[in-house]
Amino acid sequence: MGECVTAGSETTRAQIARRVLRAVTVVLVMLTAHLGSAPSYADEWGYQDGDTGAHPDENPHTFCFSTTVGADLQYNVREAEYNALRDDTDADVTFVSSCNWDGYQETDGVWRNVDLAGQTTGSTPCQSWENGVVQGQCDQYYINLDGPEIRVGENDEIDETQTACHELGHAVGLTHGGDDCTISTGPTPPTDPKYRRYGSHHKGDHINVWF
């Protein structure tokens, strides 16, 4: 015997269907808005592909200067190492007066002043991979700065610190991205102090997670 469906029940079912459709639509719109507003930041660890840093060594983060780095550039590198990293993150930053080039105690970051190609102001290649596994954990970075190229334009002292902070970011695993010193700037850097520091995302979700 067939089901007897009244006009009233058909109306009720149609109303329910419309309400369900509206609810699903609202959820989809909210989800899309959330995803669309998510900040476009760097991956937690780069893989040394081009301009990205690899997985860094664990605490402490040690650094040294090669003989190519003069006193003025050393001062601004220390500004990045101490003020941006040591004092503002969980990283334990330690300066060593003599660079250790291999073995268990090899220095994590070796700062060098070198002539880089073109208008490149800095680079941070991994020099020594843990257990020789490329794209694994990096035991030692060469943190290269091109002093003359950095000093093209204005605000040279600020530019040296911003560039040092930027390259140091690669040495602690950051890629480009974020409203902080990991941005790429031209010959004249922004003077806002936040561009000589790491932002809350890079500190809280990346650097502090590891160190």
C-alpha atoms as a PDB file:
ATOM      1  CA  MET A   1       0.000   0.000   0.000  1.00  0.00           C
ATOM      2  CA  GLY A   2       1.513   3.331  -1.043  1.00  0.00           C
ATOM      3  CA  GLU A   3       2.482   6.009   1.482  1.00  0.00           C
ATOM      4  CA  CYS A   4       0.069   8.853   1.727  1.00  0.00           C
ATOM      5  CA  VAL A   5       2.008  12.125   1.672  1.00  0.00           C
ATOM      6  CA  THR A   6       0.119  15.273   2.522  1.00  0.00           C
ATOM      7  CA  ALA A   7       0.945  18.729   1.233  1.00  0.00           C
ATOM      8  CA  GLY A   8       1.867  19.742   4.782  1.00  0.00           C
ATOM      9  CA  SER A   9       4.465  16.996   5.158  1.00  0.00           C
ATOM     10  CA  GLU A  10       5.988  17.857   1.786  1.00  0.00           C
ATOM     11  CA  THR A  11       6.313  21.484   2.907  1.00  0.00           C
ATOM     12  CA  THR A  12       7.947  20.407   6.167  1.00  0.00           C
ATOM     13  CA  ARG A  13      10.478  18.222   4.378  1.00  0.00           C
ATOM     14  CA  ALA A  14      11.325  21.021   1.959  1.00  0.00           C
ATOM     15  CA  GLN A  15      11.839  23.426   4.840  1.00  0.00           C
ATOM     16  CA  ILE A  16      14.143  20.982   6.611  1.00  0.00           C
ATOM     17  CA  ALA A  17      16.137  20.431   3.421  1.00  0.00           C
ATOM     18  CA  ARG A  18      16.564  24.169   2.927  1.00  0.00           C
ATOM     19  CA  ARG A  19      17.685  24.618   6.538  1.00  0.00           C
ATOM     20  CA  VAL A  20      20.243  21.839   6.189  1.00  0.00           C
ATOM     21  CA  LEU A  21      21.540  23.348   2.952  1.00  0.00           C
ATOM     22  CA  ARG A  22      21.837  26.773   4.579  1.00  0.00           C
ATOM     23  CA  ALA A  23      23.722  25.286   7.540  1.00  0.00           C
ATOM     24  CA  VAL A  24      26.167  23.451   5.273  1.00  0.00           C
ATOM     25  CA  THR A  25      26.698  26.621   3.232  1.00  0.00           C
ATOM     26  CA  VAL A  26      27.465  28.649   6.356  1.00  0.00           C
ATOM     27  CA  VAL A  27      30.025  26.070   7.509  1.00  0.00           C
ATOM     28  CA  LEU A  28      31.722  26.047   4.105  1.00  0.00           C
ATOM     29  CA  VAL A  29      31.860  29.847   3.977  1.00  0.00           C
ATOM     30  CA  MET A  30      33.361  30.011   7.478  1.00  0.00           C
ATOM     31  CA  LEU A  31      35.946  27.338   6.629  1.00  0.00           C
ATOM     32  CA  THR A  32      36.904  29.106   3.399  1.00  0.00           C
ATOM     33  CA  ALA A  33      37.275  32.416   5.204  1.00  0.00           C
ATOM     34  CA  HIS A  34      39.453  30.832   7.870  1.00  0.00           C
ATOM     35  CA  LEU A  35      41.741  29.181   5.346  1.00  0.00           C
ATOM     36  CA  GLY A  36      41.910  32.291   3.237  1.00  0.00           C
ATOM     37  CA  SER A  37      42.968  34.412   6.192  1.00  0.00           C
ATOM     38  CA  ALA A  38      45.704  32.044   7.389  1.00  0.00           C
ATOM     39  CA  PRO A  39      49.084  33.806   7.337  1.00  0.00           C
ATOM     40  CA  SER A  40      51.505  32.758   4.613  1.00  0.00           C
ATOM     41  CA  TYR A  41      54.533  31.992   6.731  1.00  0.00           C
ATOM     42  CA  ALA A  42      57.563  29.812   6.236  1.00  0.00           C
ATOM     43  CA  ASP A  43      57.645  26.076   6.736  1.00  0.00           C
ATOM     44  CA  GLU A  44      59.067  25.061  10.096  1.00  0.00           C
ATOM     45  CA  TRP A  45      62.267  23.751   8.552  1.00  0.00           C
ATOM     46  CA  GLY A  46      63.646  24.481   5.133  1.00  0.00           C
ATOM     47  CA  TYR A  47      65.600  21.952   3.119  1.00  0.00           C
ATOM     48  CA  GLN A  48      68.546  23.974   1.849  1.00  0.00           C
ATOM     49  CA  ASP A  49      66.882  24.317  -1.543  1.00  0.00           C
ATOM     50  CA  GLY A  50      67.936  27.714  -2.818  1.00  0.00           C
ATOM     51  CA  ASP A  51      67.489  30.317  -0.092  1.00  0.00           C
ATOM     52  CA  THR A  52      66.007  28.214   2.706  1.00  0.00           C
ATOM     53  CA  GLY A  53      67.614  27.035   5.895  1.00  0.00           C
ATOM     54  CA  ALA A  54      67.806  23.388   6.889  1.00  0.00           C
ATOM     55  CA  HIS A  55      66.895  21.764  10.193  1.00  0.00           C
ATOM     56  CA  PRO A  56      69.247  23.437  12.712  1.00  0.00           C
ATOM     57  CA  ASP A  57      71.475  21.866  15.300  1.00  0.00           C
ATOM     58  CA  GLU A  58      70.154  21.734  18.870  1.00  0.00           C
ATOM     59  CA  ASN A  59      71.075  23.972  21.826  1.00  0.00           C
ATOM     60  CA  PRO A  60      73.407  25.627  22.326  1.00  0.00           C
ATOM     61  CA  HIS A  61      73.636  27.664  19.147  1.00  0.00           C
ATOM     62  CA  THR A  62      77.313  28.549  18.875  1.00  0.00           C
ATOM     63  CA  PHE A  63      78.817  31.125  16.546  1.00  0.00           C
ATOM     64  CA  CYS A  64      82.229  32.496  15.627  1.00  0.00           C
ATOM     65  CA  PHE A  65      83.828  34.942  13.197  1.00  0.00           C
ATOM     66  CA  SER A  66      86.266  34.108  10.455  1.00  0.00           C
ATOM     67  CA  THR A  67      89.185  36.496  10.008  1.00  0.00           C
ATOM     68  CA  THR A  68      87.335  38.158   7.107  1.00  0.00           C
ATOM     69  CA  VAL A  69      84.777  39.833   9.383  1.00  0.00           C
ATOM     70  CA  GLY A  70      85.852  43.292  10.558  1.00  0.00           C
ATOM     71  CA  ALA A  71      84.970  44.950  13.856  1.00  0.00           C
ATOM     72  CA  ASP A  72      82.070  47.038  12.495  1.00  0.00           C
ATOM     73  CA  LEU A  73      80.366  44.068  10.877  1.00  0.00           C
ATOM     74  CA  GLN A  74      81.018  41.957  13.974  1.00  0.00           C
ATOM     75  CA  TYR A  75      79.175  44.529  16.079  1.00  0.00           C
ATOM     76  CA  ASN A  76      76.040  44.317  13.942  1.00  0.00           C
ATOM     77  CA  VAL A  77      76.203  40.528  13.738  1.00  0.00           C
ATOM     78  CA  ARG A  78      76.289  40.413  17.545  1.00  0.00           C
ATOM     79  CA  GLU A  79      73.241  42.672  17.530  1.00  0.00           C
ATOM     80  CA  ALA A  80      71.387  39.953  15.622  1.00  0.00           C
ATOM     81  CA  GLU A  81      72.838  36.990  17.540  1.00  0.00           C
ATOM     82  CA  TYR A  82      72.226  38.472  20.988  1.00  0.00           C
ATOM     83  CA  ASN A  83      69.270  40.867  20.713  1.00  0.00           C
ATOM     84  CA  ALA A  84      67.199  39.058  18.089  1.00  0.00           C
ATOM     85  CA  LEU A  85      68.016  35.435  18.965  1.00  0.00           C
ATOM     86  CA  ARG A  86      69.462  35.043  22.476  1.00  0.00           C
ATOM     87  CA  ASP A  87      67.429  37.689  24.315  1.00  0.00           C
ATOM     88  CA  ASP A  88      64.151  37.187  22.474  1.00  0.00           C
ATOM     89  CA  THR A  89      63.877  33.407  21.965  1.00  0.00           C
ATOM     90  CA  ASP A  90      64.608  30.180  23.831  1.00  0.00           C
ATOM     91  CA  ALA A  91      67.850  29.633  21.919  1.00  0.00           C
ATOM     92  CA  ASP A  92      70.979  29.404  24.059  1.00  0.00           C
ATOM     93  CA  VAL A  93      73.434  31.531  22.079  1.00  0.00           C
ATOM     94  CA  THR A  94      77.151  31.147  22.797  1.00  0.00           C
ATOM     95  CA  PHE A  95      80.059  32.957  21.157  1.00  0.00           C
ATOM     96  CA  VAL A  96      83.271  30.985  20.675  1.00  0.00           C
ATOM     97  CA  SER A  97      86.453  32.914  19.944  1.00  0.00           C
ATOM     98  CA  SER A  98      87.974  30.146  17.853  1.00  0.00           C
ATOM     99  CA  CYS A  99      85.922  28.415  15.174  1.00  0.00           C
ATOM    100  CA  ASN A 100      85.706  24.626  15.440  1.00  0.00           C
ATOM    101  CA  TRP A 101      85.512  23.216  11.941  1.00  0.00           C
ATOM    102  CA  ASP A 102      84.637  19.567  12.533  1.00  0.00           C
ATOM    103  CA  GLY A 103      83.814  16.960  15.122  1.00  0.00           C
ATOM    104  CA  TYR A 104      81.286  16.952  17.926  1.00  0.00           C
ATOM    105  CA  GLN A 105      82.076  20.519  18.984  1.00  0.00           C
ATOM    106  CA  GLU A 106      81.994  22.128  15.542  1.00  0.00           C
ATOM    107  CA  THR A 107      80.645  25.669  15.597  1.00  0.00           C
ATOM    108  CA  ASP A 108      77.036  25.972  14.417  1.00  0.00           C
ATOM    109  CA  GLY A 109      77.391  29.298  12.621  1.00  0.00           C
ATOM    110  CA  VAL A 110      80.623  30.552  11.067  1.00  0.00           C
ATOM    111  CA  TRP A 111      80.230  34.207  10.032  1.00  0.00           C
ATOM    112  CA  ARG A 112      82.198  35.221   6.939  1.00  0.00           C
ATOM    113  CA  ASN A 113      82.534  38.401   4.870  1.00  0.00           C
ATOM    114  CA  VAL A 114      82.755  37.251   1.262  1.00  0.00           C
ATOM    115  CA  ASP A 115      82.228  38.578  -2.261  1.00  0.00           C
ATOM    116  CA  LEU A 116      78.946  37.058  -3.380  1.00  0.00           C
ATOM    117  CA  ALA A 117      77.679  36.939  -6.952  1.00  0.00           C
ATOM    118  CA  GLY A 118      75.788  39.889  -8.383  1.00  0.00           C
ATOM    119  CA  GLN A 119      73.799  41.964  -5.893  1.00  0.00           C
ATOM    120  CA  THR A 120      73.484  39.160  -3.358  1.00  0.00           C
ATOM    121  CA  THR A 121      74.007  40.479   0.179  1.00  0.00           C
ATOM    122  CA  GLY A 122      74.003  37.205   2.090  1.00  0.00           C
ATOM    123  CA  SER A 123      73.805  33.435   1.883  1.00  0.00           C
ATOM    124  CA  THR A 124      73.675  30.628   4.423  1.00  0.00           C
ATOM    125  CA  PRO A 125      74.721  27.269   2.973  1.00  0.00           C
ATOM    126  CA  CYS A 126      74.990  24.202   5.165  1.00  0.00           C
ATOM    127  CA  GLN A 127      78.652  23.270   5.262  1.00  0.00           C
ATOM    128  CA  SER A 128      78.373  20.108   7.361  1.00  0.00           C
ATOM    129  CA  TRP A 129      75.394  17.753   7.513  1.00  0.00           C
ATOM    130  CA  GLU A 130      74.897  15.483  10.517  1.00  0.00           C
ATOM    131  CA  ASN A 131      76.092  11.986   9.627  1.00  0.00           C
ATOM    132  CA  GLY A 132      76.535  13.177   6.041  1.00  0.00           C
ATOM    133  CA  VAL A 133      72.767  13.087   5.369  1.00  0.00           C
ATOM    134  CA  VAL A 134      72.041  15.961   2.968  1.00  0.00           C
ATOM    135  CA  GLN A 135      68.797  17.810   3.777  1.00  0.00           C
ATOM    136  CA  GLY A 136      68.799  16.305   7.242  1.00  0.00           C
ATOM    137  CA  GLN A 137      70.073  18.249  10.244  1.00  0.00           C
ATOM    138  CA  CYS A 138      72.786  20.839   9.639  1.00  0.00           C
ATOM    139  CA  ASP A 139      75.715  20.795  12.067  1.00  0.00           C
ATOM    140  CA  GLN A 140      77.515  23.832  10.671  1.00  0.00           C
ATOM    141  CA  TYR A 141      76.462  26.773   8.526  1.00  0.00           C
ATOM    142  CA  TYR A 142      78.646  29.244   6.706  1.00  0.00           C
ATOM    143  CA  ILE A 143      76.757  32.500   7.276  1.00  0.00           C
ATOM    144  CA  ASN A 144      78.039  34.686   4.455  1.00  0.00           C
ATOM    145  CA  LEU A 145      77.637  38.454   4.287  1.00  0.00           C
ATOM    146  CA  ASP A 146      78.810  40.674   1.444  1.00  0.00           C
ATOM    147  CA  GLY A 147      79.718  43.831   3.358  1.00  0.00           C
ATOM    148  CA  PRO A 148      80.282  46.193   0.396  1.00  0.00           C
ATOM    149  CA  GLU A 149      77.027  45.064  -1.232  1.00  0.00           C
ATOM    150  CA  ILE A 150      75.092  45.506   2.015  1.00  0.00           C
ATOM    151  CA  ARG A 151      76.438  49.047   2.353  1.00  0.00           C
ATOM    152  CA  VAL A 152      75.005  50.140  -1.011  1.00  0.00           C
ATOM    153  CA  GLY A 153      72.292  52.672  -0.281  1.00  0.00           C
ATOM    154  CA  GLU A 154      71.405  54.290   3.041  1.00  0.00           C
ATOM    155  CA  ASN A 155      71.229  53.219   6.699  1.00  0.00           C
ATOM    156  CA  ASP A 156      74.245  50.925   6.467  1.00  0.00           C
ATOM    157  CA  GLU A 157      74.327  49.981  10.163  1.00  0.00           C
ATOM    158  CA  ILE A 158      70.646  49.048  10.118  1.00  0.00           C
ATOM    159  CA  ASP A 159      71.124  47.174   6.861  1.00  0.00           C
ATOM    160  CA  GLU A 160      73.993  45.118   8.279  1.00  0.00           C
ATOM    161  CA  THR A 161      71.924  44.137  11.333  1.00  0.00           C
ATOM    162  CA  GLN A 162      68.822  43.356   9.280  1.00  0.00           C
ATOM    163  CA  THR A 163      70.815  41.245   6.815  1.00  0.00           C
ATOM    164  CA  ALA A 164      72.602  39.444   9.654  1.00  0.00           C
ATOM    165  CA  CYS A 165      69.249  38.735  11.338  1.00  0.00           C
ATOM    166  CA  HIS A 166      67.877  37.488   8.007  1.00  0.00           C
ATOM    167  CA  GLU A 167      70.761  35.095   7.346  1.00  0.00           C
ATOM    168  CA  LEU A 168      70.854  33.974  10.979  1.00  0.00           C
ATOM    169  CA  GLY A 169      67.180  33.077  10.571  1.00  0.00           C
ATOM    170  CA  HIS A 170      68.166  30.594   7.852  1.00  0.00           C
ATOM    171  CA  ALA A 171      70.766  29.140  10.234  1.00  0.00           C
ATOM    172  CA  VAL A 172      68.033  28.403  12.787  1.00  0.00           C
ATOM    173  CA  GLY A 173      65.794  26.816  10.150  1.00  0.00           C
ATOM    174  CA  LEU A 174      63.627  29.670   8.862  1.00  0.00           C
ATOM    175  CA  THR A 175      62.731  30.286   5.245  1.00  0.00           C
ATOM    176  CA  HIS A 176      61.563  33.587   3.794  1.00  0.00           C
ATOM    177  CA  GLY A 177      58.250  34.949   4.999  1.00  0.00           C
ATOM    178  CA  GLY A 178      56.752  36.938   7.825  1.00  0.00           C
ATOM    179  CA  ASP A 179      56.650  40.590   8.789  1.00  0.00           C
ATOM    180  CA  ASP A 180      60.100  40.621  10.379  1.00  0.00           C
ATOM    181  CA  CYS A 181      63.771  40.359   9.402  1.00  0.00           C
ATOM    182  CA  THR A 182      63.084  37.313   7.234  1.00  0.00           C
ATOM    183  CA  ILE A 183      61.671  39.568   4.507  1.00  0.00           C
ATOM    184  CA  SER A 184      63.857  40.425   1.528  1.00  0.00           C
ATOM    185  CA  THR A 185      64.668  44.130   1.182  1.00  0.00           C
ATOM    186  CA  GLY A 186      66.435  46.339  -1.327  1.00  0.00           C
ATOM    187  CA  PRO A 187      69.502  48.566  -0.850  1.00  0.00           C
ATOM    188  CA  THR A 188      67.695  50.744   1.716  1.00  0.00           C
ATOM    189  CA  PRO A 189      66.149  48.653   4.512  1.00  0.00           C
ATOM    190  CA  PRO A 190      63.047  49.622   6.499  1.00  0.00           C
ATOM    191  CA  THR A 191      64.003  51.408   9.719  1.00  0.00           C
ATOM    192  CA  ASP A 192      61.270  49.897  11.906  1.00  0.00           C
ATOM    193  CA  PRO A 193      63.040  47.817  14.616  1.00  0.00           C
ATOM    194  CA  LYS A 194      60.727  44.852  13.974  1.00  0.00           C
ATOM    195  CA  TYR A 195      62.675  44.234  10.757  1.00  0.00           C
ATOM    196  CA  ARG A 196      65.759  43.518  12.879  1.00  0.00           C
ATOM    197  CA  ARG A 197      63.953  40.932  15.002  1.00  0.00           C
ATOM    198  CA  TYR A 198      61.915  37.745  14.549  1.00  0.00           C
ATOM    199  CA  GLY A 199      58.145  37.959  14.674  1.00  0.00           C
ATOM    200  CA  SER A 200      55.934  36.120  17.153  1.00  0.00           C
ATOM    201  CA  HIS A 201      55.122  33.360  14.668  1.00  0.00           C
ATOM    202  CA  HIS A 202      58.746  32.576  13.892  1.00  0.00           C
ATOM    203  CA  LYS A 203      59.678  32.698  17.568  1.00  0.00           C
ATOM    204  CA  GLY A 204      56.758  30.829  19.075  1.00  0.00           C
ATOM    205  CA  ASP A 205      56.005  28.277  16.368  1.00  0.00           C
ATOM    206  CA  HIS A 206      59.464  27.650  14.990  1.00  0.00           C
ATOM    207  CA  ILE A 207      62.590  28.705  16.905  1.00  0.00           C
ATOM    208  CA  ASN A 208      61.297  28.038  20.419  1.00  0.00           C
ATOM    209  CA  VAL A 209      59.809  24.697  19.382  1.00  0.00           C
ATOM    210  CA  TRP A 210      63.275  23.374  18.616  1.00  0.00           C
ATOM    211  CA  PHE A 211      65.572  25.270  20.954  1.00  0.00           C
END
